[in-house]
């Protein structure tokens, strides 16, 4: 289980942290909807996958 988090921590961080930020921005811009919230978390997940693929760290 630890190996999973070591390999996927950037994706999980992107999903939870960036997803909530993107979701709040979309909520403010487009209004309340389950679809709007889902799109925000999808963008956060994709951002995390991109970070994992490129090997980004916490600082770089």
Protein backbone atom coordinates (compact mmCIF):
# COMPACT_ATOMS: atom_id res chain seq x y z
CA UNK A 1 0.00 0.00 0.00
CA UNK A 2 2.88 2.39 0.72
CA UNK A 3 4.31 1.74 -2.74
CA UNK A 4 1.00 2.83 -4.27
CA UNK A 5 1.13 6.20 -2.49
CA UNK A 6 4.80 6.67 -3.35
CA UNK A 7 4.05 6.16 -7.03
CA UNK A 8 0.74 8.03 -7.22
CA UNK A 9 1.03 10.83 -4.64
CA UNK A 10 1.13 13.54 -7.31
CA UNK A 11 -2.03 12.21 -8.94
CA UNK A 12 -3.83 12.03 -5.59
CA UNK A 13 -2.61 15.54 -4.71
CA UNK A 14 -3.80 16.83 -8.10
CA UNK A 15 -7.18 15.20 -7.67
CA UNK A 16 -7.82 16.48 -4.15
CA UNK A 17 -6.04 19.83 -3.99
CA UNK A 18 -6.10 21.13 -7.55
CA UNK A 19 -9.47 19.52 -8.20
CA UNK A 20 -11.03 21.46 -5.35
CA UNK A 21 -9.43 24.71 -6.54
CA UNK A 22 -10.50 24.18 -10.16
CA UNK A 23 -13.95 23.15 -8.97
CA UNK A 24 -14.31 26.32 -6.87
CA UNK A 25 -13.23 28.50 -9.81
CA UNK A 26 -15.69 26.81 -12.12
CA UNK A 27 -18.40 27.02 -9.46
CA UNK A 28 -17.82 30.77 -9.21
CA UNK A 29 -17.75 31.24 -12.99
CA UNK A 30 -20.50 28.85 -14.10
CA UNK A 31 -22.72 28.30 -11.07
CA UNK A 32 -23.68 25.30 -8.96
CA UNK A 33 -23.97 21.96 -10.67
CA UNK A 34 -22.74 18.43 -10.15
CA UNK A 35 -21.28 18.50 -13.67
CA UNK A 36 -19.29 21.67 -12.91
CA UNK A 37 -17.83 20.10 -9.76
CA UNK A 38 -16.99 16.91 -11.63
CA UNK A 39 -15.20 18.83 -14.36
CA UNK A 40 -13.09 20.61 -11.73
CA UNK A 41 -12.00 17.33 -10.17
CA UNK A 42 -11.39 15.82 -13.61
CA UNK A 43 -9.08 18.74 -14.43
CA UNK A 44 -7.26 18.23 -11.13
CA UNK A 45 -6.85 14.52 -11.87
CA UNK A 46 -5.49 15.25 -15.34
CA UNK A 47 -3.12 17.84 -13.88
CA UNK A 48 -1.87 15.20 -11.42
CA UNK A 49 -1.37 12.66 -14.19
CA UNK A 50 0.61 15.23 -16.16
CA UNK A 51 2.78 15.94 -13.12
CA UNK A 52 3.42 12.21 -12.63
CA UNK A 53 4.26 11.70 -16.30
CA UNK A 54 6.70 14.62 -16.42
CA UNK A 55 8.24 13.76 -13.06
CA UNK A 56 7.41 17.05 -11.38
CA UNK A 57 8.12 17.24 -7.68
CA UNK A 58 6.85 19.45 -4.90
CA UNK A 59 9.33 22.21 -5.72
CA UNK A 60 9.99 21.86 -9.46
